[in-house]
Amino acid sequence: MVIGTCGGAGGRVILLPWFDLVKRISQEDNLHFRLAVIGAAQDKRSSSASYGKGKIRALRNVPALTAETVDARPT
């Protein structure tokens, strides 16, 4: 079984609620399977440095990316 973060990032703050939800549903329905959490968060310092060099930018249809939003994002 593979479950994505449904549009979120790959940091713990996004992944753990999904992990908890899948675990709770599987227990309620008596389902048994292996479940792994694979994080994909980027290092804040690296992201901030890349943003400062103009190497990353926001996706379209989302608010403009700023140094503050890069530095403030949860991990």
PDB file of N, CA and C in Angstrom:
ATOM      1  N   MET A   1       0.847  -1.157   0.000  1.00  0.00           N
ATOM      2  CA  MET A   1       0.000   0.000   0.000  1.00  0.00           C
ATOM      3  C   MET A   1       0.899   1.228   0.000  1.00  0.00           C
ATOM      4  N   VAL A   2       0.595   2.181  -0.850  1.00  0.00           N
ATOM      5  CA  VAL A   2       1.330   3.435  -0.907  1.00  0.00           C
ATOM      6  C   VAL A   2       0.343   4.567  -0.709  1.00  0.00           C
ATOM      7  N   ILE A   3       0.655   5.446   0.220  1.00  0.00           N
ATOM      8  CA  ILE A   3      -0.197   6.599   0.487  1.00  0.00           C
ATOM      9  C   ILE A   3       0.675   7.839   0.423  1.00  0.00           C
ATOM     10  N   GLY A   4       0.322   8.775  -0.442  1.00  0.00           N
ATOM     11  CA  GLY A   4       1.049  10.030  -0.532  1.00  0.00           C
ATOM     12  C   GLY A   4       0.503  11.023   0.466  1.00  0.00           C
ATOM     13  N   THR A   5       1.133  12.188   0.518  1.00  0.00           N
ATOM     14  CA  THR A   5       0.711  13.203   1.479  1.00  0.00           C
ATOM     15  C   THR A   5      -0.406  14.079   0.932  1.00  0.00           C
ATOM     16  N   CYS A   6      -0.956  13.697  -0.170  1.00  0.00           N
ATOM     17  CA  CYS A   6      -2.138  14.383  -0.718  1.00  0.00           C
ATOM     18  C   CYS A   6      -1.912  15.872  -0.905  1.00  0.00           C
ATOM     19  N   GLY A   7      -0.770  16.232  -1.440  1.00  0.00           N
ATOM     20  CA  GLY A   7      -0.523  17.638  -1.753  1.00  0.00           C
ATOM     21  C   GLY A   7       0.362  18.360  -0.768  1.00  0.00           C
ATOM     22  N   GLY A   8       0.692  17.723   0.340  1.00  0.00           N
ATOM     23  CA  GLY A   8       1.554  18.371   1.322  1.00  0.00           C
ATOM     24  C   GLY A   8       3.015  18.110   1.035  1.00  0.00           C
ATOM     25  N   ALA A   9       3.844  18.666   1.853  1.00  0.00           N
ATOM     26  CA  ALA A   9       5.282  18.444   1.732  1.00  0.00           C
ATOM     27  C   ALA A   9       5.661  17.144   2.416  1.00  0.00           C
ATOM     28  N   GLY A  10       6.915  16.816   2.388  1.00  0.00           N
ATOM     29  CA  GLY A  10       7.357  15.546   2.950  1.00  0.00           C
ATOM     30  C   GLY A  10       7.953  15.641   4.332  1.00  0.00           C
ATOM     31  N   GLY A  11       7.687  16.720   5.060  1.00  0.00           N
ATOM     32  CA  GLY A  11       8.212  16.879   6.409  1.00  0.00           C
ATOM     33  C   GLY A  11       7.363  16.163   7.440  1.00  0.00           C
ATOM     34  N   ARG A  12       7.921  15.982   8.630  1.00  0.00           N
ATOM     35  CA  ARG A  12       7.238  15.256   9.704  1.00  0.00           C
ATOM     36  C   ARG A  12       5.896  15.880  10.057  1.00  0.00           C
ATOM     37  N   VAL A  13       5.812  17.210  10.059  1.00  0.00           N
ATOM     38  CA  VAL A  13       4.569  17.878  10.450  1.00  0.00           C
ATOM     39  C   VAL A  13       3.421  17.510   9.507  1.00  0.00           C
ATOM     40  N   ILE A  14       3.730  17.173   8.274  1.00  0.00           N
ATOM     41  CA  ILE A  14       2.718  16.749   7.300  1.00  0.00           C
ATOM     42  C   ILE A  14       2.523  15.235   7.361  1.00  0.00           C
ATOM     43  N   LEU A  15       3.610  14.498   7.445  1.00  0.00           N
ATOM     44  CA  LEU A  15       3.537  13.036   7.373  1.00  0.00           C
ATOM     45  C   LEU A  15       2.893  12.372   8.589  1.00  0.00           C
ATOM     46  N   LEU A  16       3.237  12.833   9.773  1.00  0.00           N
ATOM     47  CA  LEU A  16       2.769  12.129  10.968  1.00  0.00           C
ATOM     48  C   LEU A  16       1.254  12.109  11.139  1.00  0.00           C
ATOM     49  N   PRO A  17       0.525  13.189  10.857  1.00  0.00           N
ATOM     50  CA  PRO A  17      -0.937  13.086  10.949  1.00  0.00           C
ATOM     51  C   PRO A  17      -1.516  12.054   9.979  1.00  0.00           C
ATOM     52  N   TRP A  18      -0.947  11.952   8.778  1.00  0.00           N
ATOM     53  CA  TRP A  18      -1.420  10.944   7.819  1.00  0.00           C
ATOM     54  C   TRP A  18      -1.100   9.547   8.318  1.00  0.00           C
ATOM     55  N   PHE A  19       0.095   9.383   8.877  1.00  0.00           N
ATOM     56  CA  PHE A  19       0.484   8.092   9.446  1.00  0.00           C
ATOM     57  C   PHE A  19      -0.492   7.687  10.549  1.00  0.00           C
ATOM     58  N   ASP A  20      -0.787   8.616  11.437  1.00  0.00           N
ATOM     59  CA  ASP A  20      -1.722   8.333  12.535  1.00  0.00           C
ATOM     60  C   ASP A  20      -3.113   7.972  12.014  1.00  0.00           C
ATOM     61  N   LEU A  21      -3.570   8.665  10.989  1.00  0.00           N
ATOM     62  CA  LEU A  21      -4.890   8.387  10.422  1.00  0.00           C
ATOM     63  C   LEU A  21      -4.943   6.984   9.808  1.00  0.00           C
ATOM     64  N   VAL A  22      -3.944   6.643   9.017  1.00  0.00           N
ATOM     65  CA  VAL A  22      -3.909   5.317   8.386  1.00  0.00           C
ATOM     66  C   VAL A  22      -3.824   4.234   9.454  1.00  0.00           C
ATOM     67  N   LYS A  23      -3.008   4.455  10.470  1.00  0.00           N
ATOM     68  CA  LYS A  23      -2.874   3.483  11.549  1.00  0.00           C
ATOM     69  C   LYS A  23      -4.203   3.286  12.286  1.00  0.00           C
ATOM     70  N   ARG A  24      -4.883   4.376  12.587  1.00  0.00           N
ATOM     71  CA  ARG A  24      -6.160   4.290  13.295  1.00  0.00           C
ATOM     72  C   ARG A  24      -7.211   3.560  12.455  1.00  0.00           C
ATOM     73  N   ILE A  25      -7.314   3.903  11.179  1.00  0.00           N
ATOM     74  CA  ILE A  25      -8.291   3.243  10.299  1.00  0.00           C
ATOM     75  C   ILE A  25      -7.980   1.751  10.179  1.00  0.00           C
ATOM     76  N   SER A  26      -6.700   1.429  10.020  1.00  0.00           N
ATOM     77  CA  SER A  26      -6.350   0.017   9.868  1.00  0.00           C
ATOM     78  C   SER A  26      -6.664  -0.777  11.140  1.00  0.00           C
ATOM     79  N   GLN A  27      -6.470  -0.167  12.295  1.00  0.00           N
ATOM     80  CA  GLN A  27      -6.808  -0.854  13.546  1.00  0.00           C
ATOM     81  C   GLN A  27      -8.315  -1.027  13.678  1.00  0.00           C
ATOM     82  N   GLU A  28      -9.065   0.011  13.345  1.00  0.00           N
ATOM     83  CA  GLU A  28     -10.534  -0.074  13.438  1.00  0.00           C
ATOM     84  C   GLU A  28     -11.105  -1.133  12.505  1.00  0.00           C
ATOM     85  N   ASP A  29     -10.494  -1.288  11.332  1.00  0.00           N
ATOM     86  CA  ASP A  29     -10.988  -2.253  10.348  1.00  0.00           C
ATOM     87  C   ASP A  29     -10.246  -3.584  10.407  1.00  0.00           C
ATOM     88  N   ASN A  30      -9.399  -3.752  11.409  1.00  0.00           N
ATOM     89  CA  ASN A  30      -8.644  -4.987  11.599  1.00  0.00           C
ATOM     90  C   ASN A  30      -7.833  -5.360  10.349  1.00  0.00           C
ATOM     91  N   LEU A  31      -7.185  -4.369   9.768  1.00  0.00           N
ATOM     92  CA  LEU A  31      -6.331  -4.579   8.597  1.00  0.00           C
ATOM     93  C   LEU A  31      -4.890  -4.754   9.059  1.00  0.00           C
ATOM     94  N   HIS A  32      -4.168  -5.613   8.375  1.00  0.00           N
ATOM     95  CA  HIS A  32      -2.783  -5.885   8.748  1.00  0.00           C
ATOM     96  C   HIS A  32      -1.905  -5.745   7.518  1.00  0.00           C
ATOM     97  N   PHE A  33      -0.964  -4.844   7.587  1.00  0.00           N
ATOM     98  CA  PHE A  33      -0.009  -4.613   6.500  1.00  0.00           C
ATOM     99  C   PHE A  33       1.175  -3.856   7.068  1.00  0.00           C
ATOM    100  N   ARG A  34       2.249  -3.865   6.330  1.00  0.00           N
ATOM    101  CA  ARG A  34       3.418  -3.092   6.722  1.00  0.00           C
ATOM    102  C   ARG A  34       3.194  -1.639   6.313  1.00  0.00           C
ATOM    103  N   LEU A  35       3.600  -0.748   7.175  1.00  0.00           N
ATOM    104  CA  LEU A  35       3.430   0.678   6.906  1.00  0.00           C
ATOM    105  C   LEU A  35       4.743   1.379   7.199  1.00  0.00           C
ATOM    106  N   ALA A  36       5.219   2.139   6.260  1.00  0.00           N
ATOM    107  CA  ALA A  36       6.466   2.885   6.430  1.00  0.00           C
ATOM    108  C   ALA A  36       6.200   4.358   6.176  1.00  0.00           C
ATOM    109  N   VAL A  37       6.958   5.179   6.846  1.00  0.00           N
ATOM    110  CA  VAL A  37       6.902   6.623   6.629  1.00  0.00           C
ATOM    111  C   VAL A  37       8.240   7.024   6.017  1.00  0.00           C
ATOM    112  N   ILE A  38       8.178   7.630   4.846  1.00  0.00           N
ATOM    113  CA  ILE A  38       9.393   8.052   4.155  1.00  0.00           C
ATOM    114  C   ILE A  38       9.333   9.562   3.990  1.00  0.00           C
ATOM    115  N   GLY A  39      10.143  10.240   4.755  1.00  0.00           N
ATOM    116  CA  GLY A  39      10.164  11.695   4.712  1.00  0.00           C
ATOM    117  C   GLY A  39      10.915  12.215   3.497  1.00  0.00           C
ATOM    118  N   ALA A  40      10.565  13.409   3.095  1.00  0.00           N
ATOM    119  CA  ALA A  40      11.230  14.017   1.940  1.00  0.00           C
ATOM    120  C   ALA A  40      11.472  15.507   2.164  1.00  0.00           C
ATOM    121  N   ALA A  41      11.578  15.902   3.428  1.00  0.00           N
ATOM    122  CA  ALA A  41      11.799  17.312   3.728  1.00  0.00           C
ATOM    123  C   ALA A  41      13.203  17.734   3.312  1.00  0.00           C
ATOM    124  N   GLN A  42      13.314  18.935   2.848  1.00  0.00           N
ATOM    125  CA  GLN A  42      14.605  19.501   2.475  1.00  0.00           C
ATOM    126  C   GLN A  42      15.183  20.261   3.660  1.00  0.00           C
ATOM    127  N   ASP A  43      16.477  20.279   3.784  1.00  0.00           N
ATOM    128  CA  ASP A  43      17.157  21.017   4.831  1.00  0.00           C
ATOM    129  C   ASP A  43      16.886  22.513   4.664  1.00  0.00           C
ATOM    130  N   LYS A  44      16.465  23.181   5.745  1.00  0.00           N
ATOM    131  CA  LYS A  44      16.120  24.602   5.665  1.00  0.00           C
ATOM    132  C   LYS A  44      17.297  25.460   5.212  1.00  0.00           C
ATOM    133  N   ARG A  45      18.479  25.179   5.735  1.00  0.00           N
ATOM    134  CA  ARG A  45      19.644  25.997   5.355  1.00  0.00           C
ATOM    135  C   ARG A  45      19.945  25.860   3.872  1.00  0.00           C
ATOM    136  N   SER A  46      19.867  24.653   3.377  1.00  0.00           N
ATOM    137  CA  SER A  46      20.114  24.424   1.957  1.00  0.00           C
ATOM    138  C   SER A  46      19.042  25.104   1.100  1.00  0.00           C
ATOM    139  N   SER A  47      17.777  24.975   1.522  1.00  0.00           N
ATOM    140  CA  SER A  47      16.673  25.611   0.786  1.00  0.00           C
ATOM    141  C   SER A  47      16.825  27.122   0.790  1.00  0.00           C
ATOM    142  N   SER A  48      17.177  27.684   1.932  1.00  0.00           N
ATOM    143  CA  SER A  48      17.347  29.132   2.045  1.00  0.00           C
ATOM    144  C   SER A  48      18.486  29.616   1.158  1.00  0.00           C
ATOM    145  N   ALA A  49      19.588  28.874   1.158  1.00  0.00           N
ATOM    146  CA  ALA A  49      20.730  29.248   0.313  1.00  0.00           C
ATOM    147  C   ALA A  49      20.355  29.163  -1.167  1.00  0.00           C
ATOM    148  N   SER A  50      19.631  28.117  -1.542  1.00  0.00           N
ATOM    149  CA  SER A  50      19.213  27.971  -2.946  1.00  0.00           C
ATOM    150  C   SER A  50      18.253  29.083  -3.351  1.00  0.00           C
ATOM    151  N   TYR A  51      17.342  29.447  -2.448  1.00  0.00           N
ATOM    152  CA  TYR A  51      16.421  30.548  -2.738  1.00  0.00           C
ATOM    153  C   TYR A  51      17.207  31.842  -2.932  1.00  0.00           C
ATOM    154  N   GLY A  52      18.171  32.092  -2.061  1.00  0.00           N
ATOM    155  CA  GLY A  52      18.990  33.301  -2.159  1.00  0.00           C
ATOM    156  C   GLY A  52      19.763  33.389  -3.469  1.00  0.00           C
ATOM    157  N   LYS A  53      20.079  32.241  -4.065  1.00  0.00           N
ATOM    158  CA  LYS A  53      20.798  32.199  -5.346  1.00  0.00           C
ATOM    159  C   LYS A  53      19.846  32.170  -6.534  1.00  0.00           C
ATOM    160  N   GLY A  54      18.536  32.249  -6.263  1.00  0.00           N
ATOM    161  CA  GLY A  54      17.554  32.236  -7.344  1.00  0.00           C
ATOM    162  C   GLY A  54      17.322  30.863  -7.951  1.00  0.00           C
ATOM    163  N   LYS A  55      17.687  29.809  -7.238  1.00  0.00           N
ATOM    164  CA  LYS A  55      17.568  28.451  -7.782  1.00  0.00           C
ATOM    165  C   LYS A  55      16.224  27.794  -7.516  1.00  0.00           C
ATOM    166  N   ILE A  56      15.426  28.352  -6.610  1.00  0.00           N
ATOM    167  CA  ILE A  56      14.090  27.802  -6.373  1.00  0.00           C
ATOM    168  C   ILE A  56      13.073  28.931  -6.386  1.00  0.00           C
ATOM    169  N   ARG A  57      11.843  28.569  -6.706  1.00  0.00           N
ATOM    170  CA  ARG A  57      10.765  29.555  -6.730  1.00  0.00           C
ATOM    171  C   ARG A  57       9.453  28.830  -6.466  1.00  0.00           C
ATOM    172  N   ALA A  58       8.433  29.577  -6.171  1.00  0.00           N
ATOM    173  CA  ALA A  58       7.126  28.989  -5.885  1.00  0.00           C
ATOM    174  C   ALA A  58       6.524  28.389  -7.154  1.00  0.00           C
ATOM    175  N   LEU A  59       5.699  27.392  -6.974  1.00  0.00           N
ATOM    176  CA  LEU A  59       4.930  26.849  -8.082  1.00  0.00           C
ATOM    177  C   LEU A  59       3.873  27.863  -8.492  1.00  0.00           C
ATOM    178  N   ARG A  60       3.344  27.721  -9.675  1.00  0.00           N
ATOM    179  CA  ARG A  60       2.298  28.654 -10.096  1.00  0.00           C
ATOM    180  C   ARG A  60       1.029  28.388  -9.277  1.00  0.00           C
ATOM    181  N   ASN A  61       0.184  29.376  -9.218  1.00  0.00           N
ATOM    182  CA  ASN A  61      -1.090  29.307  -8.498  1.00  0.00           C
ATOM    183  C   ASN A  61      -0.940  29.185  -6.988  1.00  0.00           C
ATOM    184  N   VAL A  62       0.212  29.559  -6.458  1.00  0.00           N
ATOM    185  CA  VAL A  62       0.409  29.629  -5.006  1.00  0.00           C
ATOM    186  C   VAL A  62       1.004  30.992  -4.684  1.00  0.00           C
ATOM    187  N   PRO A  63       0.911  31.423  -3.437  1.00  0.00           N
ATOM    188  CA  PRO A  63       1.476  32.731  -3.083  1.00  0.00           C
ATOM    189  C   PRO A  63       2.962  32.813  -3.416  1.00  0.00           C
ATOM    190  N   ALA A  64       3.414  34.019  -3.665  1.00  0.00           N
ATOM    191  CA  ALA A  64       4.821  34.249  -3.993  1.00  0.00           C
ATOM    192  C   ALA A  64       5.714  33.734  -2.869  1.00  0.00           C
ATOM    193  N   LEU A  65       6.846  33.189  -3.245  1.00  0.00           N
ATOM    194  CA  LEU A  65       7.801  32.670  -2.286  1.00  0.00           C
ATOM    195  C   LEU A  65       8.714  33.807  -1.828  1.00  0.00           C
ATOM    196  N   THR A  66       8.965  33.881  -0.533  1.00  0.00           N
ATOM    197  CA  THR A  66       9.869  34.883   0.022  1.00  0.00           C
ATOM    198  C   THR A  66      10.897  34.179   0.899  1.00  0.00           C
ATOM    199  N   ALA A  67      11.964  34.881   1.233  1.00  0.00           N
ATOM    200  CA  ALA A  67      12.976  34.314   2.128  1.00  0.00           C
ATOM    201  C   ALA A  67      12.344  33.950   3.470  1.00  0.00           C
ATOM    202  N   GLU A  68      11.394  34.762   3.918  1.00  0.00           N
ATOM    203  CA  GLU A  68      10.738  34.500   5.200  1.00  0.00           C
ATOM    204  C   GLU A  68       9.925  33.206   5.157  1.00  0.00           C
ATOM    205  N   THR A  69       9.211  32.963   4.056  1.00  0.00           N
ATOM    206  CA  THR A  69       8.418  31.734   3.977  1.00  0.00           C
ATOM    207  C   THR A  69       9.308  30.512   3.869  1.00  0.00           C
ATOM    208  N   VAL A  70      10.438  30.642   3.188  1.00  0.00           N
ATOM    209  CA  VAL A  70      11.376  29.519   3.092  1.00  0.00           C
ATOM    210  C   VAL A  70      11.915  29.194   4.481  1.00  0.00           C
ATOM    211  N   ASP A  71      12.319  30.216   5.227  1.00  0.00           N
ATOM    212  CA  ASP A  71      12.906  30.017   6.550  1.00  0.00           C
ATOM    213  C   ASP A  71      11.879  29.592   7.598  1.00  0.00           C
ATOM    214  N   ALA A  72      10.621  29.970   7.420  1.00  0.00           N
ATOM    215  CA  ALA A  72       9.599  29.707   8.437  1.00  0.00           C
ATOM    216  C   ALA A  72       8.903  28.368   8.271  1.00  0.00           C
ATOM    217  N   ARG A  73       9.091  27.689   7.165  1.00  0.00           N
ATOM    218  CA  ARG A  73       8.341  26.466   6.925  1.00  0.00           C
ATOM    219  C   ARG A  73       8.671  25.405   7.953  1.00  0.00           C
ATOM    220  N   PRO A  74       7.667  24.609   8.341  1.00  0.00           N
ATOM    221  CA  PRO A  74       7.907  23.546   9.320  1.00  0.00           C
ATOM    222  C   PRO A  74       8.685  22.398   8.706  1.00  0.00           C
ATOM    223  N   THR A  75       9.297  21.598   9.549  1.00  0.00           N
ATOM    224  CA  THR A  75      10.038  20.421   9.062  1.00  0.00           C
ATOM    225  C   THR A  75       9.335  19.157   9.487  1.00  0.00           C
TER     226      THR A  75
END
